[in-house]
Amino acid sequence: MNKHAVVHGIPNCDSVKKARAWFEARGIAYTFHDFRKHGIPDGALEAWCAAKGWQTVLNRKGTSWRQLDDAGRASVVDAASACVLMAIQPSLIKRPVVAWPDGSLSVGWNEAEFTERSAAAVTPGT
């Protein structure tokens, strides 16, 4: 288990920027994992989809989803097909995905949720 949160995303994403600023404004240690530079960690998509549901992890509201052709969108019918598509095109992952120090996971920017989880993100002596 990490002693601090891991924020997964893309640096120019507005939601990721908000999440990183939130951590920094509170002095909460975190690591940023850039999908574009470092790829998606092995097994992460499957674990995220198992924990949160593929419908939550797949961002169907963003530009990348809208730019897919009809066949691409229609090909997503379950967790396996969603993971294949997100692995090929990481911008389809709803961001940020945060692995919290307590082992829990959050998907997407939600300040209220982050505030609620902040007690778990701050570990005494770290």
C-alpha atoms as a PDB file:
ATOM      1  CA  MET A   1       0.000   0.000   0.000  1.00  0.00           C
ATOM      2  CA  ASN A   2       1.302   3.472  -0.895  1.00  0.00           C
ATOM      3  CA  LYS A   3       1.941   6.050   1.820  1.00  0.00           C
ATOM      4  CA  HIS A   4       0.499   8.693  -0.490  1.00  0.00           C
ATOM      5  CA  ALA A   5      -2.044   8.958  -3.276  1.00  0.00           C
ATOM      6  CA  VAL A   6      -1.244   8.215  -6.909  1.00  0.00           C
ATOM      7  CA  VAL A   7      -3.015  10.464  -9.394  1.00  0.00           C
ATOM      8  CA  HIS A   8      -3.290   8.846 -12.848  1.00  0.00           C
ATOM      9  CA  GLY A   9      -4.093  11.001 -15.842  1.00  0.00           C
ATOM     10  CA  ILE A  10      -2.926  13.385 -18.521  1.00  0.00           C
ATOM     11  CA  PRO A  11      -1.267  16.644 -17.455  1.00  0.00           C
ATOM     12  CA  ASN A  12      -3.273  18.969 -19.703  1.00  0.00           C
ATOM     13  CA  CYS A  13      -6.657  17.567 -18.588  1.00  0.00           C
ATOM     14  CA  ASP A  14      -8.640  20.191 -16.641  1.00  0.00           C
ATOM     15  CA  SER A  15      -9.924  17.625 -14.131  1.00  0.00           C
ATOM     16  CA  VAL A  16      -6.400  16.358 -13.492  1.00  0.00           C
ATOM     17  CA  LYS A  17      -5.185  19.936 -13.065  1.00  0.00           C
ATOM     18  CA  LYS A  18      -7.913  20.551 -10.469  1.00  0.00           C
ATOM     19  CA  ALA A  19      -7.036  17.367  -8.593  1.00  0.00           C
ATOM     20  CA  ARG A  20      -3.309  18.125  -8.550  1.00  0.00           C
ATOM     21  CA  ALA A  21      -3.970  21.700  -7.405  1.00  0.00           C
ATOM     22  CA  TRP A  22      -6.234  20.345  -4.664  1.00  0.00           C
ATOM     23  CA  PHE A  23      -3.456  18.070  -3.342  1.00  0.00           C
ATOM     24  CA  GLU A  24      -0.851  20.828  -3.586  1.00  0.00           C
ATOM     25  CA  ALA A  25      -3.028  23.460  -1.867  1.00  0.00           C
ATOM     26  CA  ARG A  26      -3.423  21.131   1.109  1.00  0.00           C
ATOM     27  CA  GLY A  27       0.191  20.003   1.220  1.00  0.00           C
ATOM     28  CA  ILE A  28      -0.851  16.377   0.666  1.00  0.00           C
ATOM     29  CA  ALA A  29       1.848  14.202  -0.868  1.00  0.00           C
ATOM     30  CA  TYR A  30       0.940  12.446  -4.106  1.00  0.00           C
ATOM     31  CA  THR A  31       2.608  10.937  -7.132  1.00  0.00           C
ATOM     32  CA  PHE A  32       1.464  11.829 -10.632  1.00  0.00           C
ATOM     33  CA  HIS A  33       1.373   9.013 -13.190  1.00  0.00           C
ATOM     34  CA  ASP A  34       1.159  10.413 -16.733  1.00  0.00           C
ATOM     35  CA  PHE A  35      -0.604   7.979 -19.094  1.00  0.00           C
ATOM     36  CA  ARG A  36       1.036   9.552 -22.126  1.00  0.00           C
ATOM     37  CA  LYS A  37       4.615   9.285 -20.827  1.00  0.00           C
ATOM     38  CA  HIS A  38       4.452   6.123 -18.751  1.00  0.00           C
ATOM     39  CA  GLY A  39       1.511   4.209 -20.184  1.00  0.00           C
ATOM     40  CA  ILE A  40      -1.143   2.519 -18.126  1.00  0.00           C
ATOM     41  CA  PRO A  41       0.218   0.244 -15.389  1.00  0.00           C
ATOM     42  CA  ASP A  42      -0.178  -3.468 -16.160  1.00  0.00           C
ATOM     43  CA  GLY A  43      -3.505  -4.767 -14.929  1.00  0.00           C
ATOM     44  CA  ALA A  44      -4.684  -1.311 -13.842  1.00  0.00           C
ATOM     45  CA  LEU A  45      -7.611  -0.982 -16.251  1.00  0.00           C
ATOM     46  CA  GLU A  46      -8.990  -4.361 -15.269  1.00  0.00           C
ATOM     47  CA  ALA A  47      -8.579  -3.569 -11.556  1.00  0.00           C
ATOM     48  CA  TRP A  48     -10.183  -0.135 -11.946  1.00  0.00           C
ATOM     49  CA  CYS A  49     -13.113  -1.584 -13.879  1.00  0.00           C
ATOM     50  CA  ALA A  50     -13.540  -4.347 -11.286  1.00  0.00           C
ATOM     51  CA  ALA A  51     -13.507  -1.805  -8.445  1.00  0.00           C
ATOM     52  CA  LYS A  52     -15.625   0.938 -10.007  1.00  0.00           C
ATOM     53  CA  GLY A  53     -17.355  -0.612 -13.015  1.00  0.00           C
ATOM     54  CA  TRP A  54     -16.295  -0.109 -16.612  1.00  0.00           C
ATOM     55  CA  GLN A  55     -19.169   2.322 -17.169  1.00  0.00           C
ATOM     56  CA  THR A  56     -17.565   4.643 -14.597  1.00  0.00           C
ATOM     57  CA  VAL A  57     -13.981   4.293 -15.847  1.00  0.00           C
ATOM     58  CA  LEU A  58     -14.853   4.803 -19.527  1.00  0.00           C
ATOM     59  CA  ASN A  59     -15.400   8.506 -20.232  1.00  0.00           C
ATOM     60  CA  ARG A  60     -18.313   8.644 -22.654  1.00  0.00           C
ATOM     61  CA  LYS A  61     -18.787  12.392 -22.202  1.00  0.00           C
ATOM     62  CA  GLY A  62     -15.428  13.567 -23.523  1.00  0.00           C
ATOM     63  CA  THR A  63     -14.145  14.615 -26.900  1.00  0.00           C
ATOM     64  CA  SER A  64     -12.285  11.342 -27.486  1.00  0.00           C
ATOM     65  CA  TRP A  65     -15.511   9.330 -27.173  1.00  0.00           C
ATOM     66  CA  ARG A  66     -17.418  11.713 -29.447  1.00  0.00           C
ATOM     67  CA  GLN A  67     -14.656  11.442 -32.051  1.00  0.00           C
ATOM     68  CA  LEU A  68     -14.944   7.645 -32.213  1.00  0.00           C
ATOM     69  CA  ASP A  69     -16.855   6.315 -35.175  1.00  0.00           C
ATOM     70  CA  ASP A  70     -20.151   4.509 -34.610  1.00  0.00           C
ATOM     71  CA  ALA A  71     -18.488   1.093 -34.908  1.00  0.00           C
ATOM     72  CA  GLY A  72     -15.919   2.014 -32.253  1.00  0.00           C
ATOM     73  CA  ARG A  73     -18.594   3.145 -29.821  1.00  0.00           C
ATOM     74  CA  ALA A  74     -20.770   0.115 -30.582  1.00  0.00           C
ATOM     75  CA  SER A  75     -17.841  -2.241 -29.932  1.00  0.00           C
ATOM     76  CA  VAL A  76     -17.904  -1.400 -26.210  1.00  0.00           C
ATOM     77  CA  VAL A  77     -20.331  -3.840 -24.642  1.00  0.00           C
ATOM     78  CA  ASP A  78     -18.608  -5.032 -21.455  1.00  0.00           C
ATOM     79  CA  ALA A  79     -15.559  -4.565 -19.232  1.00  0.00           C
ATOM     80  CA  ALA A  80     -13.259  -6.530 -21.528  1.00  0.00           C
ATOM     81  CA  SER A  81     -14.125  -4.530 -24.646  1.00  0.00           C
ATOM     82  CA  ALA A  82     -13.961  -1.243 -22.708  1.00  0.00           C
ATOM     83  CA  CYS A  83     -10.493  -2.127 -21.359  1.00  0.00           C
ATOM     84  CA  VAL A  84      -9.232  -2.971 -24.850  1.00  0.00           C
ATOM     85  CA  LEU A  85     -10.413   0.373 -26.200  1.00  0.00           C
ATOM     86  CA  MET A  86      -9.054   2.364 -23.210  1.00  0.00           C
ATOM     87  CA  ALA A  87      -5.685   0.596 -23.521  1.00  0.00           C
ATOM     88  CA  ILE A  88      -5.471   1.662 -27.164  1.00  0.00           C
ATOM     89  CA  GLN A  89      -6.733   5.181 -26.468  1.00  0.00           C
ATOM     90  CA  PRO A  90      -6.001   6.230 -22.833  1.00  0.00           C
ATOM     91  CA  SER A  91      -7.768   9.559 -23.336  1.00  0.00           C
ATOM     92  CA  LEU A  92     -10.993   7.538 -23.047  1.00  0.00           C
ATOM     93  CA  ILE A  93     -10.297   6.918 -19.348  1.00  0.00           C
ATOM     94  CA  LYS A  94     -12.262   9.204 -17.055  1.00  0.00           C
ATOM     95  CA  ARG A  95      -9.722  11.306 -15.194  1.00  0.00           C
ATOM     96  CA  PRO A  96      -8.212  11.524 -12.744  1.00  0.00           C
ATOM     97  CA  VAL A  97      -8.061   8.005 -11.397  1.00  0.00           C
ATOM     98  CA  VAL A  98      -6.728   8.284  -7.847  1.00  0.00           C
ATOM     99  CA  ALA A  99      -5.367   5.347  -5.888  1.00  0.00           C
ATOM    100  CA  TRP A 100      -5.686   6.484  -2.267  1.00  0.00           C
ATOM    101  CA  PRO A 101      -3.307   5.407   0.520  1.00  0.00           C
ATOM    102  CA  ASP A 102      -6.012   3.257   2.132  1.00  0.00           C
ATOM    103  CA  GLY A 103      -6.250   1.159  -1.049  1.00  0.00           C
ATOM    104  CA  SER A 104      -9.493   2.727  -2.277  1.00  0.00           C
ATOM    105  CA  LEU A 105      -9.991   4.274  -5.687  1.00  0.00           C
ATOM    106  CA  SER A 106     -11.773   7.313  -7.051  1.00  0.00           C
ATOM    107  CA  VAL A 107     -12.525   8.097 -10.678  1.00  0.00           C
ATOM    108  CA  GLY A 108     -13.078  11.642 -11.891  1.00  0.00           C
ATOM    109  CA  TRP A 109     -12.759  14.999 -10.179  1.00  0.00           C
ATOM    110  CA  ASN A 110     -15.137  15.519  -7.263  1.00  0.00           C
ATOM    111  CA  GLU A 111     -13.933  18.022  -4.673  1.00  0.00           C
ATOM    112  CA  ALA A 112     -16.380  16.816  -2.015  1.00  0.00           C
ATOM    113  CA  GLU A 113     -15.163  13.230  -2.398  1.00  0.00           C
ATOM    114  CA  PHE A 114     -11.520  14.313  -2.298  1.00  0.00           C
ATOM    115  CA  THR A 115     -12.154  16.322   0.875  1.00  0.00           C
ATOM    116  CA  GLU A 116     -13.865  13.327   2.466  1.00  0.00           C
ATOM    117  CA  ARG A 117     -10.928  11.080   1.558  1.00  0.00           C
ATOM    118  CA  SER A 118      -8.266  13.581   2.627  1.00  0.00           C
ATOM    119  CA  ALA A 119      -8.091  12.158   6.138  1.00  0.00           C
ATOM    120  CA  ALA A 120      -6.965   8.858   4.609  1.00  0.00           C
ATOM    121  CA  ALA A 121      -4.520  10.665   2.303  1.00  0.00           C
ATOM    122  CA  VAL A 122      -2.675  12.297   5.199  1.00  0.00           C
ATOM    123  CA  THR A 123      -0.736   9.707   7.123  1.00  0.00           C
ATOM    124  CA  PRO A 124       0.891  10.882  10.375  1.00  0.00           C
ATOM    125  CA  GLY A 125       4.659  11.016  10.106  1.00  0.00           C
ATOM    126  CA  THR A 126       4.778  11.082   6.294  1.00  0.00           C
END
